[in-house]
C-alpha cells in the first residue's frame, strides 16, 4: 500500500486501444494522476465528465492523467476490456490522448492499496506520491462541490509544493476482486 512520499510503481498494462502502455509514457509530465476507476460504479460514472474536464484543463500545464480499471471483468461485464473500449469511444478518449488501462491481474491496485472506484493517486515531478483519496466532496452532483480536493492538490503539485491535505478518504464502490 502506497504512503505519501512513496515512488510510482512501474506498470505495463493493456489499454482500451488494445496496445500496451507503461508508466514511462508519462516521463515528461510534470505531475501524474492515477485514477482507479471503472464502468460499473455509479460513483465512477458520476466523475467521468469531471475527470475529462480536469484532463483538458491541465493538459497545457503538463499534467498526465491515466485511468485504470482493476475490477474483475468476469464478475462485472461492464468492466471487461471490450466494454472499456466502448466507454472510451463514447467519451472520445482517443481524441484527447487519455489512456484508460486494464489491470487484469489486479496487481497494480494491490501495490497502490486502491480499495474503491474512483480513488486517485497524485505524483509530483519526482514521481513521489503527494496526494491520495477523493476527487471532491460531492460525488453525486458536480454543482454541489465545496471542496475540490484533487484539483487543489494538482495546483499545489504543479507549483512544486506539498498539498495542504495529502490524504482524504476516497468514497466509492469497492473494487471487485477476483
Protein backbone atom coordinates (compact mmCIF):
# COMPACT_ATOMS: atom_id res chain seq x y z
CA UNK A 1 0.00 0.00 0.00
CA UNK A 2 1.45 3.34 -1.06
CA UNK A 3 2.11 6.01 1.53
CA UNK A 4 2.72 9.71 0.94
CA UNK A 5 6.29 10.08 -0.36
CA UNK A 6 6.42 6.61 -1.98
CA UNK A 7 7.53 6.30 -5.60
CA UNK A 8 5.21 5.49 -8.50
CA UNK A 9 5.22 1.73 -9.11
CA UNK A 10 6.15 0.67 -12.64
CA UNK A 11 3.33 -0.69 -14.76
CA UNK A 12 2.76 -2.10 -18.23
CA UNK A 13 -0.95 -2.58 -18.92
CA UNK A 14 -3.19 -3.06 -21.93
CA UNK A 15 -5.30 -0.07 -22.87
CA UNK A 16 -8.76 0.30 -24.37
CA UNK A 17 -6.87 0.70 -27.67
CA UNK A 18 -5.51 -2.90 -27.33
CA UNK A 19 -1.94 -1.59 -27.03
CA UNK A 20 0.40 -1.98 -24.08
CA UNK A 21 1.16 1.21 -22.12
CA UNK A 22 3.66 1.84 -19.35
CA UNK A 23 4.36 4.48 -16.75
CA UNK A 24 7.31 5.63 -18.91
CA UNK A 25 4.86 7.21 -21.37
CA UNK A 26 4.31 9.88 -18.72
CA UNK A 27 8.01 10.55 -18.05
CA UNK A 28 7.87 14.11 -19.42
CA UNK A 29 4.76 15.06 -17.44
CA UNK A 30 5.30 17.46 -14.56
CA UNK A 31 2.75 15.62 -12.42
CA UNK A 32 0.73 12.46 -12.88
CA UNK A 33 -2.72 11.46 -11.61
CA UNK A 34 -3.54 7.75 -11.50
CA UNK A 35 -7.26 7.15 -11.09
CA UNK A 36 -8.57 3.72 -10.25
CA UNK A 37 -12.00 3.79 -11.85
CA UNK A 38 -14.42 1.55 -13.70
CA UNK A 39 -17.52 1.48 -15.86
CA UNK A 40 -19.88 -0.27 -13.44
CA UNK A 41 -19.78 2.06 -10.42
CA UNK A 42 -22.28 4.91 -10.09
CA UNK A 43 -19.55 6.83 -8.29
CA UNK A 44 -17.14 6.43 -11.19
CA UNK A 45 -19.81 7.22 -13.76
CA UNK A 46 -20.64 10.47 -11.99
CA UNK A 47 -16.99 11.54 -12.22
CA UNK A 48 -16.44 10.69 -15.91
CA UNK A 49 -17.01 14.18 -17.27
CA UNK A 50 -15.21 15.84 -14.33
CA UNK A 51 -12.09 13.74 -14.92
CA UNK A 52 -12.06 14.64 -18.61
CA UNK A 53 -12.56 18.31 -17.72
CA UNK A 54 -9.54 18.10 -15.37
CA UNK A 55 -7.50 16.44 -18.10
CA UNK A 56 -8.36 19.19 -20.59
CA UNK A 57 -7.86 22.00 -18.06
CA UNK A 58 -4.37 20.91 -17.02
CA UNK A 59 -3.01 19.29 -20.17
CA UNK A 60 -1.20 22.51 -21.13
CA UNK A 61 0.34 22.56 -17.63
CA UNK A 62 1.96 19.20 -18.45
CA UNK A 63 -0.26 17.12 -16.15
CA UNK A 64 -0.80 13.50 -17.08
CA UNK A 65 -3.93 11.59 -16.07
CA UNK A 66 -4.42 7.86 -16.56
CA UNK A 67 -7.49 5.82 -15.70
CA UNK A 68 -7.01 2.22 -14.54
CA UNK A 69 -9.79 -0.34 -14.26
CA UNK A 70 -8.89 -3.15 -11.84
CA UNK A 71 -12.35 -4.69 -11.46
CA UNK A 72 -12.69 -8.36 -12.35
CA UNK A 73 -14.28 -8.32 -15.81
CA UNK A 74 -15.58 -11.87 -15.32
CA UNK A 75 -17.77 -10.80 -12.41
CA UNK A 76 -18.67 -7.44 -13.92
CA UNK A 77 -19.10 -7.48 -17.70
CA UNK A 78 -19.25 -3.66 -17.69
CA UNK A 79 -15.60 -3.75 -16.63
CA UNK A 80 -14.34 -6.03 -19.40
CA UNK A 81 -11.77 -4.66 -21.83
CA UNK A 82 -14.37 -4.75 -24.64
CA UNK A 83 -16.76 -2.60 -22.62
CA UNK A 84 -13.91 -0.25 -21.64
CA UNK A 85 -13.22 0.28 -25.36
CA UNK A 86 -16.86 1.25 -25.95
CA UNK A 87 -16.80 3.64 -22.98
CA UNK A 88 -13.56 5.22 -24.22
CA UNK A 89 -15.09 5.76 -27.66
CA UNK A 90 -18.21 7.29 -26.10
CA UNK A 91 -16.07 9.80 -24.19
CA UNK A 92 -13.77 10.43 -27.18
CA UNK A 93 -10.66 9.46 -25.20
CA UNK A 94 -8.69 8.72 -28.37
CA UNK A 95 -9.04 12.35 -29.48
CA UNK A 96 -7.91 13.51 -26.02
CA UNK A 97 -4.91 11.14 -25.82
CA UNK A 98 -6.32 9.99 -22.48
CA UNK A 99 -5.26 6.48 -21.51
CA UNK A 100 -7.70 4.07 -19.90
CA UNK A 101 -5.94 0.86 -18.93
CA UNK A 102 -6.98 -2.59 -17.70
CA UNK A 103 -5.25 -4.04 -14.61
CA UNK A 104 -6.34 -7.59 -15.40
CA UNK A 105 -4.13 -9.22 -12.73
CA UNK A 106 -5.17 -6.62 -10.13
CA UNK A 107 -1.51 -6.45 -9.04
CA UNK A 108 -1.26 -2.70 -9.61
CA UNK A 109 -4.33 -1.97 -7.49
CA UNK A 110 -2.79 -4.08 -4.74
CA UNK A 111 0.57 -2.26 -4.99
CA UNK A 112 -1.22 1.09 -4.73
CA UNK A 113 -3.54 -0.09 -1.98
CA UNK A 114 -6.56 1.04 -4.00
CA UNK A 115 -9.83 -0.06 -2.45
CA UNK A 116 -12.65 1.78 -4.24
CA UNK A 117 -13.68 3.22 -7.61
CA UNK A 118 -12.83 6.02 -8.06
CA UNK A 119 -9.68 6.52 -6.00
CA UNK A 120 -6.92 8.90 -7.03
CA UNK A 121 -3.16 8.99 -6.53
CA UNK A 122 -1.23 12.15 -7.47
CA UNK A 123 2.53 12.03 -8.09
CA UNK A 124 4.81 15.05 -8.35
CA UNK A 125 7.62 15.59 -10.89
CA UNK A 126 9.88 13.21 -8.94
CA UNK A 127 7.07 10.61 -9.09
CA UNK A 128 6.58 10.73 -5.35
CA UNK A 129 3.05 10.29 -4.06
CA UNK A 130 1.82 13.66 -2.77
CA UNK A 131 -1.96 13.09 -2.59
CA UNK A 132 -4.31 10.13 -2.41
CA UNK A 133 -8.01 9.66 -1.92
CA UNK A 134 -11.13 11.51 -3.01
CA UNK A 135 -11.67 13.70 -6.06
CA UNK A 136 -14.02 16.10 -4.29
CA UNK A 137 -16.74 16.20 -1.64
CA UNK A 138 -19.86 15.72 -3.79
CA UNK A 139 -19.73 12.65 -6.00
CA UNK A 140 -23.45 12.71 -6.69
CA UNK A 141 -23.65 16.29 -8.03
CA UNK A 142 -20.85 18.35 -9.54
CA UNK A 143 -22.76 21.56 -8.77
CA UNK A 144 -22.68 20.79 -5.03
CA UNK A 145 -18.87 20.57 -4.76
CA UNK A 146 -17.45 22.76 -2.00
CA UNK A 147 -14.04 21.05 -1.68
CA UNK A 148 -12.18 20.12 -4.90
CA UNK A 149 -9.53 18.02 -3.15
CA UNK A 150 -7.81 16.65 -6.24
CA UNK A 151 -7.82 19.93 -8.12
CA UNK A 152 -6.34 21.75 -5.12
CA UNK A 153 -3.63 19.09 -4.81
CA UNK A 154 -2.88 19.32 -8.56
CA UNK A 155 -2.47 23.10 -8.31
CA UNK A 156 -0.06 22.68 -5.41
CA UNK A 157 1.89 19.88 -7.10
CA UNK A 158 2.23 21.90 -10.32
CA UNK A 159 3.53 24.81 -8.22
CA UNK A 160 6.12 22.45 -6.73
CA UNK A 161 4.73 22.50 -3.20
CA UNK A 162 3.30 19.80 -0.97
CA UNK A 163 -0.51 19.67 -0.85
CA UNK A 164 -2.05 21.02 2.36
CA UNK A 165 -4.23 17.92 2.66
CA UNK A 166 -2.30 14.90 1.33
CA UNK A 167 -4.95 12.29 2.21
CA UNK A 168 -8.73 12.49 2.03
CA UNK A 169 -10.57 9.15 2.25
CA UNK A 170 -11.98 8.09 -1.10
CA UNK A 171 -15.69 7.38 -1.36
CA UNK A 172 -16.82 4.88 -3.96
CA UNK A 173 -17.74 1.36 -4.89
CA UNK A 174 -15.34 -1.37 -3.68
CA UNK A 175 -13.04 -2.82 -6.31
CA UNK A 176 -14.40 -6.17 -7.49
CA UNK A 177 -11.62 -8.59 -6.60
CA UNK A 178 -11.11 -11.98 -8.24
